[in-house]
Amino acid sequence: MKSSSPSQLNILSKPDCVIIMPMNTEM
């Protein structure tokens, strides 16, 4: 919880991959 920087980056990276490669996420 103290590390908000890495947490926010992880959340942004997750949706980015899903939007960019939705097929890769389903696999």
N, C-alpha and C. Protein backbone atom coordinates (compact mmCIF):
# COMPACT_ATOMS: atom_id res chain seq x y z
N MET A 1 0.85 -1.20 0.00
CA MET A 1 0.00 0.00 0.00
C MET A 1 0.89 1.25 0.00
N LYS A 2 2.01 1.14 0.62
CA LYS A 2 2.92 2.31 0.67
C LYS A 2 3.46 2.61 -0.73
N SER A 3 3.70 1.58 -1.48
CA SER A 3 4.24 1.80 -2.85
C SER A 3 3.09 2.01 -3.83
N SER A 4 2.72 3.24 -3.99
CA SER A 4 1.59 3.54 -4.90
C SER A 4 2.12 3.65 -6.34
N SER A 5 3.35 3.96 -6.47
CA SER A 5 3.94 4.15 -7.82
C SER A 5 3.94 2.83 -8.60
N PRO A 6 4.45 1.76 -8.03
CA PRO A 6 4.51 0.46 -8.74
C PRO A 6 3.11 -0.10 -8.93
N SER A 7 2.26 0.14 -7.95
CA SER A 7 0.88 -0.39 -8.04
C SER A 7 0.14 0.26 -9.21
N GLN A 8 0.24 1.57 -9.30
CA GLN A 8 -0.47 2.29 -10.38
C GLN A 8 0.11 1.84 -11.74
N LEU A 9 1.39 1.64 -11.79
CA LEU A 9 2.02 1.25 -13.07
C LEU A 9 1.51 -0.13 -13.49
N ASN A 10 1.38 -0.99 -12.53
CA ASN A 10 0.91 -2.36 -12.82
C ASN A 10 -0.52 -2.33 -13.35
N ILE A 11 -1.32 -1.50 -12.73
CA ILE A 11 -2.75 -1.41 -13.14
C ILE A 11 -2.84 -0.82 -14.56
N LEU A 12 -2.00 0.15 -14.82
CA LEU A 12 -2.05 0.81 -16.16
C LEU A 12 -1.50 -0.14 -17.21
N SER A 13 -0.53 -0.92 -16.81
CA SER A 13 0.10 -1.85 -17.77
C SER A 13 -0.87 -2.99 -18.11
N LYS A 14 -1.66 -3.38 -17.14
CA LYS A 14 -2.59 -4.50 -17.37
C LYS A 14 -3.66 -4.15 -18.43
N PRO A 15 -4.36 -3.07 -18.25
CA PRO A 15 -5.41 -2.68 -19.21
C PRO A 15 -4.81 -2.34 -20.57
N ASP A 16 -3.61 -1.79 -20.55
CA ASP A 16 -2.94 -1.42 -21.81
C ASP A 16 -2.73 -2.68 -22.66
N CYS A 17 -2.31 -3.73 -22.03
CA CYS A 17 -2.04 -4.98 -22.76
C CYS A 17 -3.36 -5.57 -23.26
N VAL A 18 -4.38 -5.45 -22.46
CA VAL A 18 -5.69 -6.03 -22.83
C VAL A 18 -6.27 -5.28 -24.03
N ILE A 19 -6.13 -3.98 -24.00
CA ILE A 19 -6.67 -3.15 -25.10
C ILE A 19 -5.81 -3.35 -26.36
N ILE A 20 -4.51 -3.45 -26.16
CA ILE A 20 -3.59 -3.59 -27.30
C ILE A 20 -3.64 -5.04 -27.82
N MET A 21 -3.63 -6.00 -26.90
CA MET A 21 -3.64 -7.42 -27.30
C MET A 21 -4.71 -8.17 -26.51
N PRO A 22 -5.96 -8.01 -26.87
CA PRO A 22 -7.05 -8.69 -26.18
C PRO A 22 -7.00 -10.21 -26.38
N MET A 23 -6.50 -10.61 -27.51
CA MET A 23 -6.40 -12.05 -27.81
C MET A 23 -5.35 -12.70 -26.90
N ASN A 24 -4.28 -11.98 -26.66
CA ASN A 24 -3.21 -12.52 -25.82
C ASN A 24 -3.71 -12.73 -24.40
N THR A 25 -4.59 -11.85 -23.95
CA THR A 25 -5.09 -11.97 -22.56
C THR A 25 -6.04 -13.17 -22.46
N GLU A 26 -6.83 -13.38 -23.47
CA GLU A 26 -7.77 -14.51 -23.43
C GLU A 26 -7.00 -15.83 -23.40
N MET A 27 -5.93 -15.87 -24.09
CA MET A 27 -5.11 -17.08 -24.14
C MET A 27 -4.49 -17.31 -22.78
